[in-house]
Amino acid sequence: MLKIKRIGEVLGKHVYTAEGEYFGQVEDVNLMDNKIDGWKIRVSSGFMSSLSGAKGVIIPQQFVKAISDVFVITKGSLPSREDNLSLPSGNSNANSNGSPSNGNSMMMNDSF
């Protein structure tokens, strides 16, 4: 489990994939029952084209690998460039065997 002192310390941090690609910047956090559910990330222009022009995504907390000077996410949490990009229906953060499935981020066009 990742531990942070204050959520405010994370807002504005730069976000990178585990492979070292710059992804964007932390904009906000989604809380559910006083726990972090996901992070709203403003996507860099380099990733906007692969996300069909979405200005941001919500990355579930389970895909955050590290929070320190930078914010590191697993690239598996992002829709692949080959995927047909559509908003996920329901809360399906895992496949039938309980492991995370590819493409569980939620794209945000208007709220960013």
C-alpha atoms as a PDB file:
ATOM      1  CA  MET A   1       0.000   0.000   0.000  1.00  0.00           C
ATOM      2  CA  LEU A   2       1.253   3.467  -0.889  1.00  0.00           C
ATOM      3  CA  LYS A   3       1.347   5.975   1.947  1.00  0.00           C
ATOM      4  CA  ILE A   4       1.219   9.721   1.532  1.00  0.00           C
ATOM      5  CA  LYS A   5       0.934  12.388   4.206  1.00  0.00           C
ATOM      6  CA  ARG A   6      -1.449  14.737   2.422  1.00  0.00           C
ATOM      7  CA  ILE A   7      -3.285  14.559  -0.868  1.00  0.00           C
ATOM      8  CA  GLY A   8      -2.332  18.190  -1.503  1.00  0.00           C
ATOM      9  CA  GLU A   9       1.301  17.069  -1.742  1.00  0.00           C
ATOM     10  CA  VAL A  10       0.458  14.954  -4.798  1.00  0.00           C
ATOM     11  CA  LEU A  11      -1.666  17.440  -6.750  1.00  0.00           C
ATOM     12  CA  GLY A  12       0.355  18.990  -9.558  1.00  0.00           C
ATOM     13  CA  LYS A  13       3.011  16.244  -9.602  1.00  0.00           C
ATOM     14  CA  HIS A  14       4.239  15.015 -12.969  1.00  0.00           C
ATOM     15  CA  VAL A  15       3.013  11.563 -13.974  1.00  0.00           C
ATOM     16  CA  TYR A  16       5.210   9.003 -15.750  1.00  0.00           C
ATOM     17  CA  THR A  17       4.569   5.460 -16.897  1.00  0.00           C
ATOM     18  CA  ALA A  18       6.676   2.698 -15.372  1.00  0.00           C
ATOM     19  CA  GLU A  19       8.535   2.623 -18.718  1.00  0.00           C
ATOM     20  CA  GLY A  20       9.631   6.247 -18.187  1.00  0.00           C
ATOM     21  CA  GLU A  21       7.280   8.016 -20.624  1.00  0.00           C
ATOM     22  CA  TYR A  22       5.902  11.371 -19.494  1.00  0.00           C
ATOM     23  CA  PHE A  23       2.122  10.990 -19.246  1.00  0.00           C
ATOM     24  CA  GLY A  24       0.778  14.191 -17.695  1.00  0.00           C
ATOM     25  CA  GLN A  25       0.058  15.895 -14.393  1.00  0.00           C
ATOM     26  CA  VAL A  26      -2.100  15.020 -11.370  1.00  0.00           C
ATOM     27  CA  GLU A  27      -5.171  17.287 -11.319  1.00  0.00           C
ATOM     28  CA  ASP A  28      -7.444  15.846  -8.641  1.00  0.00           C
ATOM     29  CA  VAL A  29      -8.297  12.774  -6.594  1.00  0.00           C
ATOM     30  CA  ASN A  30     -11.463  10.666  -6.366  1.00  0.00           C
ATOM     31  CA  LEU A  31     -12.331   9.581  -2.823  1.00  0.00           C
ATOM     32  CA  MET A  32     -14.755   6.845  -1.835  1.00  0.00           C
ATOM     33  CA  ASP A  33     -15.434   5.995   1.822  1.00  0.00           C
ATOM     34  CA  ASN A  34     -12.419   8.112   2.892  1.00  0.00           C
ATOM     35  CA  LYS A  35     -10.085   6.069   0.679  1.00  0.00           C
ATOM     36  CA  ILE A  36      -8.433   7.011  -2.590  1.00  0.00           C
ATOM     37  CA  ASP A  37     -10.353   5.430  -5.450  1.00  0.00           C
ATOM     38  CA  GLY A  38      -8.567   7.027  -8.401  1.00  0.00           C
ATOM     39  CA  TRP A  39      -6.567   9.977  -9.700  1.00  0.00           C
ATOM     40  CA  LYS A  40      -7.589  12.506 -12.346  1.00  0.00           C
ATOM     41  CA  ILE A  41      -4.645  13.033 -14.656  1.00  0.00           C
ATOM     42  CA  ARG A  42      -4.368  15.817 -17.252  1.00  0.00           C
ATOM     43  CA  VAL A  43      -2.806  14.047 -20.228  1.00  0.00           C
ATOM     44  CA  SER A  44       0.225  15.480 -22.034  1.00  0.00           C
ATOM     45  CA  SER A  45      -0.135  16.331 -25.713  1.00  0.00           C
ATOM     46  CA  GLY A  46       1.968  13.280 -26.622  1.00  0.00           C
ATOM     47  CA  PHE A  47      -0.656  10.897 -25.253  1.00  0.00           C
ATOM     48  CA  MET A  48      -3.770  12.842 -26.350  1.00  0.00           C
ATOM     49  CA  SER A  49      -3.687  11.352 -29.834  1.00  0.00           C
ATOM     50  CA  SER A  50      -3.634   7.802 -28.469  1.00  0.00           C
ATOM     51  CA  LEU A  51      -6.607   8.648 -26.241  1.00  0.00           C
ATOM     52  CA  SER A  52      -8.774  10.023 -29.066  1.00  0.00           C
ATOM     53  CA  GLY A  53      -8.171  13.598 -27.977  1.00  0.00           C
ATOM     54  CA  ALA A  54      -9.228  13.093 -24.354  1.00  0.00           C
ATOM     55  CA  LYS A  55      -7.828  15.833 -22.141  1.00  0.00           C
ATOM     56  CA  GLY A  56      -7.551  13.570 -19.140  1.00  0.00           C
ATOM     57  CA  VAL A  57      -8.112  10.154 -17.650  1.00  0.00           C
ATOM     58  CA  ILE A  58      -8.968   8.703 -14.277  1.00  0.00           C
ATOM     59  CA  ILE A  59      -6.379   6.159 -13.197  1.00  0.00           C
ATOM     60  CA  PRO A  60      -7.593   3.718 -10.500  1.00  0.00           C
ATOM     61  CA  GLN A  61      -5.410   3.694  -7.365  1.00  0.00           C
ATOM     62  CA  GLN A  62      -4.487   0.035  -7.947  1.00  0.00           C
ATOM     63  CA  PHE A  63      -2.440   1.091 -11.012  1.00  0.00           C
ATOM     64  CA  VAL A  64      -0.270   3.587  -9.129  1.00  0.00           C
ATOM     65  CA  LYS A  65       3.186   2.123  -8.609  1.00  0.00           C
ATOM     66  CA  ALA A  66       4.890   4.957  -6.727  1.00  0.00           C
ATOM     67  CA  ILE A  67       4.341   8.443  -5.375  1.00  0.00           C
ATOM     68  CA  SER A  68       7.448  10.454  -4.562  1.00  0.00           C
ATOM     69  CA  ASP A  69       9.005  13.354  -6.446  1.00  0.00           C
ATOM     70  CA  VAL A  70       7.000  12.062  -9.413  1.00  0.00           C
ATOM     71  CA  PHE A  71       3.873   9.935  -9.768  1.00  0.00           C
ATOM     72  CA  VAL A  72       4.421   6.551 -11.490  1.00  0.00           C
ATOM     73  CA  ILE A  73       1.612   4.514 -13.062  1.00  0.00           C
ATOM     74  CA  THR A  74       1.596   1.171 -14.819  1.00  0.00           C
ATOM     75  CA  LYS A  75       1.202   1.488 -18.553  1.00  0.00           C
ATOM     76  CA  GLY A  76      -1.230  -1.442 -18.424  1.00  0.00           C
ATOM     77  CA  SER A  77      -3.798   0.911 -16.895  1.00  0.00           C
ATOM     78  CA  LEU A  78      -3.992   2.873 -20.158  1.00  0.00           C
ATOM     79  CA  PRO A  79      -5.929   1.915 -23.275  1.00  0.00           C
ATOM     80  CA  SER A  80      -3.532   0.570 -25.869  1.00  0.00           C
ATOM     81  CA  ARG A  81      -3.232   2.379 -29.175  1.00  0.00           C
ATOM     82  CA  GLU A  82      -4.873  -0.598 -30.909  1.00  0.00           C
ATOM     83  CA  ASP A  83      -7.896  -0.690 -28.574  1.00  0.00           C
ATOM     84  CA  ASN A  84     -11.193   0.682 -29.771  1.00  0.00           C
ATOM     85  CA  LEU A  85     -11.460   3.556 -27.311  1.00  0.00           C
ATOM     86  CA  SER A  86     -14.789   3.756 -25.567  1.00  0.00           C
ATOM     87  CA  LEU A  87     -15.778   4.588 -22.029  1.00  0.00           C
ATOM     88  CA  PRO A  88     -15.937   1.525 -19.809  1.00  0.00           C
ATOM     89  CA  SER A  89     -19.363   0.455 -18.628  1.00  0.00           C
ATOM     90  CA  GLY A  90     -19.669  -0.246 -14.928  1.00  0.00           C
ATOM     91  CA  ASN A  91     -16.833  -0.802 -12.514  1.00  0.00           C
ATOM     92  CA  SER A  92     -14.816  -3.574 -14.128  1.00  0.00           C
ATOM     93  CA  ASN A  93     -11.319  -3.137 -12.730  1.00  0.00           C
ATOM     94  CA  ALA A  94     -10.516  -6.826 -12.856  1.00  0.00           C
ATOM     95  CA  ASN A  95     -11.083  -9.698 -15.223  1.00  0.00           C
ATOM     96  CA  SER A  96     -12.623 -13.030 -14.254  1.00  0.00           C
ATOM     97  CA  ASN A  97      -9.500 -14.280 -12.439  1.00  0.00           C
ATOM     98  CA  GLY A  98      -9.285 -11.129 -10.312  1.00  0.00           C
ATOM     99  CA  SER A  99      -6.245  -9.595 -11.967  1.00  0.00           C
ATOM    100  CA  PRO A 100      -6.291  -6.104 -13.484  1.00  0.00           C
ATOM    101  CA  SER A 101      -7.273  -6.012 -17.122  1.00  0.00           C
ATOM    102  CA  ASN A 102      -5.913  -3.656 -19.774  1.00  0.00           C
ATOM    103  CA  GLY A 103      -7.687  -0.372 -20.446  1.00  0.00           C
ATOM    104  CA  ASN A 104      -9.358   0.342 -17.123  1.00  0.00           C
ATOM    105  CA  SER A 105      -8.750   4.073 -17.167  1.00  0.00           C
ATOM    106  CA  MET A 106     -11.674   6.367 -17.806  1.00  0.00           C
ATOM    107  CA  MET A 107     -11.188   9.131 -20.387  1.00  0.00           C
ATOM    108  CA  MET A 108     -12.376  12.628 -19.588  1.00  0.00           C
ATOM    109  CA  ASN A 109     -13.009  15.145 -22.373  1.00  0.00           C
ATOM    110  CA  ASP A 110     -15.010  18.009 -20.887  1.00  0.00           C
ATOM    111  CA  SER A 111     -14.146  18.111 -17.203  1.00  0.00           C
ATOM    112  CA  PHE A 112     -10.490  18.953 -17.658  1.00  0.00           C
END
